[in-house]
Amino acid sequence: KVLEAEAQGLDTVSSFVGEYNIYKRQL
């Protein structure tokens, strides 16, 4: 599933990138 999500470019969608980066900074 993770491979497929990356293949579909879901890790480049702005909503994903924004939420992920906020969490990274806070953690």
PDB file of all heavy atoms in Angstrom:
ATOM      1  N   LYS A   1       0.831  -1.212   0.000  1.00  0.00           N
ATOM      2  CA  LYS A   1       0.000   0.000   0.000  1.00  0.00           C
ATOM      3  C   LYS A   1       0.868   1.265   0.000  1.00  0.00           C
ATOM      4  O   LYS A   1       0.576   2.243  -0.693  1.00  0.00           O
ATOM      5  CB  LYS A   1      -0.927   0.010   1.208  1.00  0.00           C
ATOM      6  CG  LYS A   1      -2.086  -0.964   1.124  1.00  0.00           C
ATOM      7  CD  LYS A   1      -2.921  -0.881   2.399  1.00  0.00           C
ATOM      8  CE  LYS A   1      -4.037  -1.887   2.414  1.00  0.00           C
ATOM      9  NZ  LYS A   1      -4.812  -1.844   3.677  1.00  0.00           N
ATOM     10  N   VAL A   2       1.926   1.244   0.811  1.00  0.00           N
ATOM     11  CA  VAL A   2       2.803   2.413   0.865  1.00  0.00           C
ATOM     12  C   VAL A   2       3.459   2.645  -0.500  1.00  0.00           C
ATOM     13  O   VAL A   2       3.528   3.785  -0.989  1.00  0.00           O
ATOM     14  CB  VAL A   2       3.881   2.240   1.956  1.00  0.00           C
ATOM     15  CG1 VAL A   2       4.899   3.369   1.883  1.00  0.00           C
ATOM     16  CG2 VAL A   2       3.237   2.213   3.337  1.00  0.00           C
ATOM     17  N   LEU A   3       3.916   1.574  -1.134  1.00  0.00           N
ATOM     18  CA  LEU A   3       4.522   1.695  -2.462  1.00  0.00           C
ATOM     19  C   LEU A   3       3.529   2.274  -3.460  1.00  0.00           C
ATOM     20  O   LEU A   3       3.872   3.115  -4.292  1.00  0.00           O
ATOM     21  CB  LEU A   3       5.018   0.327  -2.942  1.00  0.00           C
ATOM     22  CG  LEU A   3       6.305  -0.210  -2.308  1.00  0.00           C
ATOM     23  CD1 LEU A   3       6.577  -1.625  -2.792  1.00  0.00           C
ATOM     24  CD2 LEU A   3       7.491   0.698  -2.648  1.00  0.00           C
ATOM     25  N   GLU A   4       2.283   1.822  -3.377  1.00  0.00           N
ATOM     26  CA  GLU A   4       1.266   2.298  -4.306  1.00  0.00           C
ATOM     27  C   GLU A   4       0.946   3.773  -4.068  1.00  0.00           C
ATOM     28  O   GLU A   4       0.748   4.539  -5.018  1.00  0.00           O
ATOM     29  CB  GLU A   4      -0.001   1.453  -4.173  1.00  0.00           C
ATOM     30  CG  GLU A   4      -1.116   1.821  -5.138  1.00  0.00           C
ATOM     31  CD  GLU A   4      -0.721   1.643  -6.607  1.00  0.00           C
ATOM     32  OE1 GLU A   4       0.212   0.862  -6.892  1.00  0.00           O
ATOM     33  OE2 GLU A   4      -1.364   2.290  -7.463  1.00  0.00           O
ATOM     34  N   ALA A   5       0.901   4.168  -2.804  1.00  0.00           N
ATOM     35  CA  ALA A   5       0.644   5.574  -2.479  1.00  0.00           C
ATOM     36  C   ALA A   5       1.734   6.462  -3.072  1.00  0.00           C
ATOM     37  O   ALA A   5       1.451   7.539  -3.621  1.00  0.00           O
ATOM     38  CB  ALA A   5       0.570   5.759  -0.969  1.00  0.00           C
ATOM     39  N   GLU A   6       2.969   6.002  -2.979  1.00  0.00           N
ATOM     40  CA  GLU A   6       4.083   6.768  -3.555  1.00  0.00           C
ATOM     41  C   GLU A   6       4.013   6.768  -5.080  1.00  0.00           C
ATOM     42  O   GLU A   6       4.287   7.790  -5.719  1.00  0.00           O
ATOM     43  CB  GLU A   6       5.409   6.183  -3.075  1.00  0.00           C
ATOM     44  CG  GLU A   6       5.648   6.381  -1.577  1.00  0.00           C
ATOM     45  CD  GLU A   6       6.823   5.592  -1.030  1.00  0.00           C
ATOM     46  OE1 GLU A   6       7.306   4.677  -1.739  1.00  0.00           O
ATOM     47  OE2 GLU A   6       7.255   5.881   0.094  1.00  0.00           O
ATOM     48  N   ALA A   7       3.618   5.626  -5.650  1.00  0.00           N
ATOM     49  CA  ALA A   7       3.507   5.535  -7.108  1.00  0.00           C
ATOM     50  C   ALA A   7       2.429   6.473  -7.635  1.00  0.00           C
ATOM     51  O   ALA A   7       2.551   7.021  -8.740  1.00  0.00           O
ATOM     52  CB  ALA A   7       3.201   4.096  -7.517  1.00  0.00           C
ATOM     53  N   GLN A   8       1.375   6.683  -6.848  1.00  0.00           N
ATOM     54  CA  GLN A   8       0.297   7.587  -7.251  1.00  0.00           C
ATOM     55  C   GLN A   8       0.614   9.047  -6.920  1.00  0.00           C
ATOM     56  O   GLN A   8      -0.210   9.933  -7.155  1.00  0.00           O
ATOM     57  CB  GLN A   8      -1.014   7.172  -6.582  1.00  0.00           C
ATOM     58  CG  GLN A   8      -1.549   5.836  -7.074  1.00  0.00           C
ATOM     59  CD  GLN A   8      -2.908   5.494  -6.479  1.00  0.00           C
ATOM     60  OE1 GLN A   8      -3.632   6.356  -5.985  1.00  0.00           O
ATOM     61  NE2 GLN A   8      -3.273   4.212  -6.530  1.00  0.00           N
ATOM     62  N   GLY A   9       1.799   9.286  -6.353  1.00  0.00           N
ATOM     63  CA  GLY A   9       2.230  10.657  -6.063  1.00  0.00           C
ATOM     64  C   GLY A   9       1.529  11.304  -4.884  1.00  0.00           C
ATOM     65  O   GLY A   9       1.539  12.530  -4.742  1.00  0.00           O
ATOM     66  N   LEU A  10       0.953  10.491  -4.015  1.00  0.00           N
ATOM     67  CA  LEU A  10       0.228  11.054  -2.872  1.00  0.00           C
ATOM     68  C   LEU A  10       1.172  11.725  -1.879  1.00  0.00           C
ATOM     69  O   LEU A  10       0.736  12.568  -1.089  1.00  0.00           O
ATOM     70  CB  LEU A  10      -0.571   9.953  -2.166  1.00  0.00           C
ATOM     71  CG  LEU A  10      -1.673   9.287  -3.008  1.00  0.00           C
ATOM     72  CD1 LEU A  10      -2.408   8.240  -2.199  1.00  0.00           C
ATOM     73  CD2 LEU A  10      -2.646  10.322  -3.544  1.00  0.00           C
ATOM     74  N   ASP A  11       2.458  11.354  -1.913  1.00  0.00           N
ATOM     75  CA  ASP A  11       3.427  11.983  -1.019  1.00  0.00           C
ATOM     76  C   ASP A  11       3.881  13.352  -1.521  1.00  0.00           C
ATOM     77  O   ASP A  11       4.664  14.035  -0.854  1.00  0.00           O
ATOM     78  CB  ASP A  11       4.639  11.079  -0.813  1.00  0.00           C
ATOM     79  CG  ASP A  11       5.300  10.673  -2.125  1.00  0.00           C
ATOM     80  OD1 ASP A  11       4.632  10.753  -3.175  1.00  0.00           O
ATOM     81  OD2 ASP A  11       6.473  10.273  -2.099  1.00  0.00           O
ATOM     82  N   THR A  12       3.376  13.777  -2.688  1.00  0.00           N
ATOM     83  CA  THR A  12       3.722  15.097  -3.214  1.00  0.00           C
ATOM     84  C   THR A  12       2.543  16.069  -3.164  1.00  0.00           C
ATOM     85  O   THR A  12       2.694  17.242  -3.507  1.00  0.00           O
ATOM     86  CB  THR A  12       4.202  14.985  -4.677  1.00  0.00           C
ATOM     87  OG1 THR A  12       3.120  14.493  -5.495  1.00  0.00           O
ATOM     88  CG2 THR A  12       5.385  14.042  -4.793  1.00  0.00           C
ATOM     89  N   VAL A  13       1.379  15.588  -2.762  1.00  0.00           N
ATOM     90  CA  VAL A  13       0.191  16.448  -2.680  1.00  0.00           C
ATOM     91  C   VAL A  13       0.403  17.489  -1.582  1.00  0.00           C
ATOM     92  O   VAL A  13       0.902  17.177  -0.497  1.00  0.00           O
ATOM     93  CB  VAL A  13      -1.069  15.605  -2.384  1.00  0.00           C
ATOM     94  CG1 VAL A  13      -2.294  16.504  -2.202  1.00  0.00           C
ATOM     95  CG2 VAL A  13      -1.303  14.611  -3.513  1.00  0.00           C
ATOM     96  N   SER A  14       0.042  18.734  -1.846  1.00  0.00           N
ATOM     97  CA  SER A  14       0.342  19.840  -0.925  1.00  0.00           C
ATOM     98  C   SER A  14      -0.268  19.631   0.459  1.00  0.00           C
ATOM     99  O   SER A  14       0.363  19.957   1.470  1.00  0.00           O
ATOM    100  CB  SER A  14      -0.143  21.166  -1.512  1.00  0.00           C
ATOM    101  OG  SER A  14      -1.541  21.126  -1.752  1.00  0.00           O
ATOM    102  N   SER A  15      -1.495  19.088   0.521  1.00  0.00           N
ATOM    103  CA  SER A  15      -2.129  18.878   1.825  1.00  0.00           C
ATOM    104  C   SER A  15      -1.346  17.875   2.658  1.00  0.00           C
ATOM    105  O   SER A  15      -1.169  18.047   3.871  1.00  0.00           O
ATOM    106  CB  SER A  15      -3.571  18.404   1.646  1.00  0.00           C
ATOM    107  OG  SER A  15      -3.609  17.202   0.883  1.00  0.00           O
ATOM    108  N   PHE A  16      -0.843  16.819   1.999  1.00  0.00           N
ATOM    109  CA  PHE A  16      -0.033  15.827   2.701  1.00  0.00           C
ATOM    110  C   PHE A  16       1.287  16.434   3.164  1.00  0.00           C
ATOM    111  O   PHE A  16       1.680  16.298   4.329  1.00  0.00           O
ATOM    112  CB  PHE A  16       0.243  14.624   1.797  1.00  0.00           C
ATOM    113  CG  PHE A  16       1.353  13.734   2.310  1.00  0.00           C
ATOM    114  CD1 PHE A  16       1.097  12.773   3.274  1.00  0.00           C
ATOM    115  CD2 PHE A  16       2.659  13.888   1.861  1.00  0.00           C
ATOM    116  CE1 PHE A  16       2.119  11.976   3.771  1.00  0.00           C
ATOM    117  CE2 PHE A  16       3.684  13.097   2.344  1.00  0.00           C
ATOM    118  CZ  PHE A  16       3.415  12.132   3.307  1.00  0.00           C
ATOM    119  N   VAL A  17       1.977  17.128   2.248  1.00  0.00           N
ATOM    120  CA  VAL A  17       3.288  17.704   2.565  1.00  0.00           C
ATOM    121  C   VAL A  17       3.167  18.693   3.721  1.00  0.00           C
ATOM    122  O   VAL A  17       3.982  18.698   4.646  1.00  0.00           O
ATOM    123  CB  VAL A  17       3.898  18.394   1.320  1.00  0.00           C
ATOM    124  CG1 VAL A  17       5.166  19.144   1.689  1.00  0.00           C
ATOM    125  CG2 VAL A  17       4.189  17.364   0.234  1.00  0.00           C
ATOM    126  N   GLY A  18       2.122  19.526   3.692  1.00  0.00           N
ATOM    127  CA  GLY A  18       1.931  20.511   4.756  1.00  0.00           C
ATOM    128  C   GLY A  18       1.714  19.874   6.105  1.00  0.00           C
ATOM    129  O   GLY A  18       2.375  20.243   7.095  1.00  0.00           O
ATOM    130  N   GLU A  19       0.801  18.893   6.171  1.00  0.00           N
ATOM    131  CA  GLU A  19       0.501  18.242   7.454  1.00  0.00           C
ATOM    132  C   GLU A  19       1.708  17.466   7.975  1.00  0.00           C
ATOM    133  O   GLU A  19       2.016  17.503   9.166  1.00  0.00           O
ATOM    134  CB  GLU A  19      -0.699  17.304   7.286  1.00  0.00           C
ATOM    135  CG  GLU A  19      -1.172  16.685   8.590  1.00  0.00           C
ATOM    136  CD  GLU A  19      -2.473  15.929   8.450  1.00  0.00           C
ATOM    137  OE1 GLU A  19      -3.111  16.026   7.381  1.00  0.00           O
ATOM    138  OE2 GLU A  19      -2.859  15.226   9.407  1.00  0.00           O
ATOM    139  N   TYR A  20       2.397  16.789   7.062  1.00  0.00           N
ATOM    140  CA  TYR A  20       3.565  15.994   7.460  1.00  0.00           C
ATOM    141  C   TYR A  20       4.687  16.886   7.983  1.00  0.00           C
ATOM    142  O   TYR A  20       5.302  16.593   9.019  1.00  0.00           O
ATOM    143  CB  TYR A  20       4.039  15.185   6.253  1.00  0.00           C
ATOM    144  CG  TYR A  20       5.283  14.355   6.500  1.00  0.00           C
ATOM    145  CD1 TYR A  20       5.365  13.484   7.581  1.00  0.00           C
ATOM    146  CD2 TYR A  20       6.375  14.438   5.639  1.00  0.00           C
ATOM    147  CE1 TYR A  20       6.502  12.710   7.804  1.00  0.00           C
ATOM    148  CE2 TYR A  20       7.516  13.668   5.851  1.00  0.00           C
ATOM    149  CZ  TYR A  20       7.567  12.814   6.934  1.00  0.00           C
ATOM    150  OH  TYR A  20       8.694  12.061   7.149  1.00  0.00           O
ATOM    151  N   ASN A  21       4.946  18.007   7.309  1.00  0.00           N
ATOM    152  CA  ASN A  21       6.034  18.898   7.739  1.00  0.00           C
ATOM    153  C   ASN A  21       5.729  19.569   9.072  1.00  0.00           C
ATOM    154  O   ASN A  21       6.636  19.779   9.894  1.00  0.00           O
ATOM    155  CB  ASN A  21       6.309  19.947   6.661  1.00  0.00           C
ATOM    156  CG  ASN A  21       7.063  19.373   5.472  1.00  0.00           C
ATOM    157  OD1 ASN A  21       7.735  18.351   5.594  1.00  0.00           O
ATOM    158  ND2 ASN A  21       6.947  20.008   4.321  1.00  0.00           N
ATOM    159  N   ILE A  22       4.490  19.928   9.301  1.00  0.00           N
ATOM    160  CA  ILE A  22       4.108  20.513  10.595  1.00  0.00           C
ATOM    161  C   ILE A  22       4.390  19.517  11.715  1.00  0.00           C
ATOM    162  O   ILE A  22       4.968  19.861  12.752  1.00  0.00           O
ATOM    163  CB  ILE A  22       2.611  20.917  10.591  1.00  0.00           C
ATOM    164  CG1 ILE A  22       2.402  22.148   9.705  1.00  0.00           C
ATOM    165  CG2 ILE A  22       2.127  21.210  12.012  1.00  0.00           C
ATOM    166  CD1 ILE A  22       0.942  22.494   9.477  1.00  0.00           C
ATOM    167  N   TYR A  23       3.992  18.270  11.500  1.00  0.00           N
ATOM    168  CA  TYR A  23       4.219  17.240  12.524  1.00  0.00           C
ATOM    169  C   TYR A  23       5.711  17.017  12.752  1.00  0.00           C
ATOM    170  O   TYR A  23       6.167  16.895  13.892  1.00  0.00           O
ATOM    171  CB  TYR A  23       3.551  15.939  12.103  1.00  0.00           C
ATOM    172  CG  TYR A  23       3.725  14.828  13.108  1.00  0.00           C
ATOM    173  CD1 TYR A  23       2.947  14.779  14.255  1.00  0.00           C
ATOM    174  CD2 TYR A  23       4.686  13.836  12.921  1.00  0.00           C
ATOM    175  CE1 TYR A  23       3.104  13.767  15.188  1.00  0.00           C
ATOM    176  CE2 TYR A  23       4.856  12.830  13.847  1.00  0.00           C
ATOM    177  CZ  TYR A  23       4.060  12.793  14.980  1.00  0.00           C
ATOM    178  OH  TYR A  23       4.235  11.795  15.904  1.00  0.00           O
ATOM    179  N   LYS A  24       6.476  16.973  11.658  1.00  0.00           N
ATOM    180  CA  LYS A  24       7.925  16.770  11.779  1.00  0.00           C
ATOM    181  C   LYS A  24       8.565  17.863  12.631  1.00  0.00           C
ATOM    182  O   LYS A  24       9.387  17.582  13.506  1.00  0.00           O
ATOM    183  CB  LYS A  24       8.573  16.768  10.388  1.00  0.00           C
ATOM    184  CG  LYS A  24       8.544  15.440   9.672  1.00  0.00           C
ATOM    185  CD  LYS A  24       9.148  15.550   8.288  1.00  0.00           C
ATOM    186  CE  LYS A  24      10.629  15.826   8.341  1.00  0.00           C
ATOM    187  NZ  LYS A  24      11.235  15.884   6.990  1.00  0.00           N
ATOM    188  N   ARG A  25       8.185  19.114  12.355  1.00  0.00           N
ATOM    189  CA  ARG A  25       8.771  20.230  13.102  1.00  0.00           C
ATOM    190  C   ARG A  25       8.398  20.162  14.583  1.00  0.00           C
ATOM    191  O   ARG A  25       9.247  20.368  15.462  1.00  0.00           O
ATOM    192  CB  ARG A  25       8.307  21.570  12.510  1.00  0.00           C
ATOM    193  CG  ARG A  25       8.945  21.904  11.174  1.00  0.00           C
ATOM    194  CD  ARG A  25       8.746  23.364  10.825  1.00  0.00           C
ATOM    195  NE  ARG A  25       7.339  23.696  10.665  1.00  0.00           N
ATOM    196  CZ  ARG A  25       6.669  23.613   9.511  1.00  0.00           C
ATOM    197  NH1 ARG A  25       7.293  23.199   8.425  1.00  0.00           N
ATOM    198  NH2 ARG A  25       5.406  23.953   9.446  1.00  0.00           N
ATOM    199  N   GLN A  26       7.135  19.875  14.851  1.00  0.00           N
ATOM    200  CA  GLN A  26       6.689  19.806  16.241  1.00  0.00           C
ATOM    201  C   GLN A  26       7.390  18.674  16.984  1.00  0.00           C
ATOM    202  O   GLN A  26       7.831  18.845  18.130  1.00  0.00           O
ATOM    203  CB  GLN A  26       5.170  19.613  16.299  1.00  0.00           C
ATOM    204  CG  GLN A  26       4.381  20.823  15.830  1.00  0.00           C
ATOM    205  CD  GLN A  26       2.892  20.561  15.758  1.00  0.00           C
ATOM    206  OE1 GLN A  26       2.445  19.410  15.730  1.00  0.00           O
ATOM    207  NE2 GLN A  26       2.105  21.625  15.727  1.00  0.00           N
ATOM    208  N   LEU A  27       7.506  17.532  16.349  1.00  0.00           N
ATOM    209  CA  LEU A  27       8.156  16.390  16.984  1.00  0.00           C
ATOM    210  C   LEU A  27       9.652  16.637  17.141  1.00  0.00           C
ATOM    211  O   LEU A  27      10.248  16.267  18.155  1.00  0.00           O
ATOM    212  CB  LEU A  27       7.908  15.120  16.175  1.00  0.00           C
ATOM    213  CG  LEU A  27       8.340  13.812  16.856  1.00  0.00           C
ATOM    214  CD1 LEU A  27       7.477  13.546  18.084  1.00  0.00           C
ATOM    215  CD2 LEU A  27       8.232  12.632  15.886  1.00  0.00           C
TER     216      LEU A  27
END
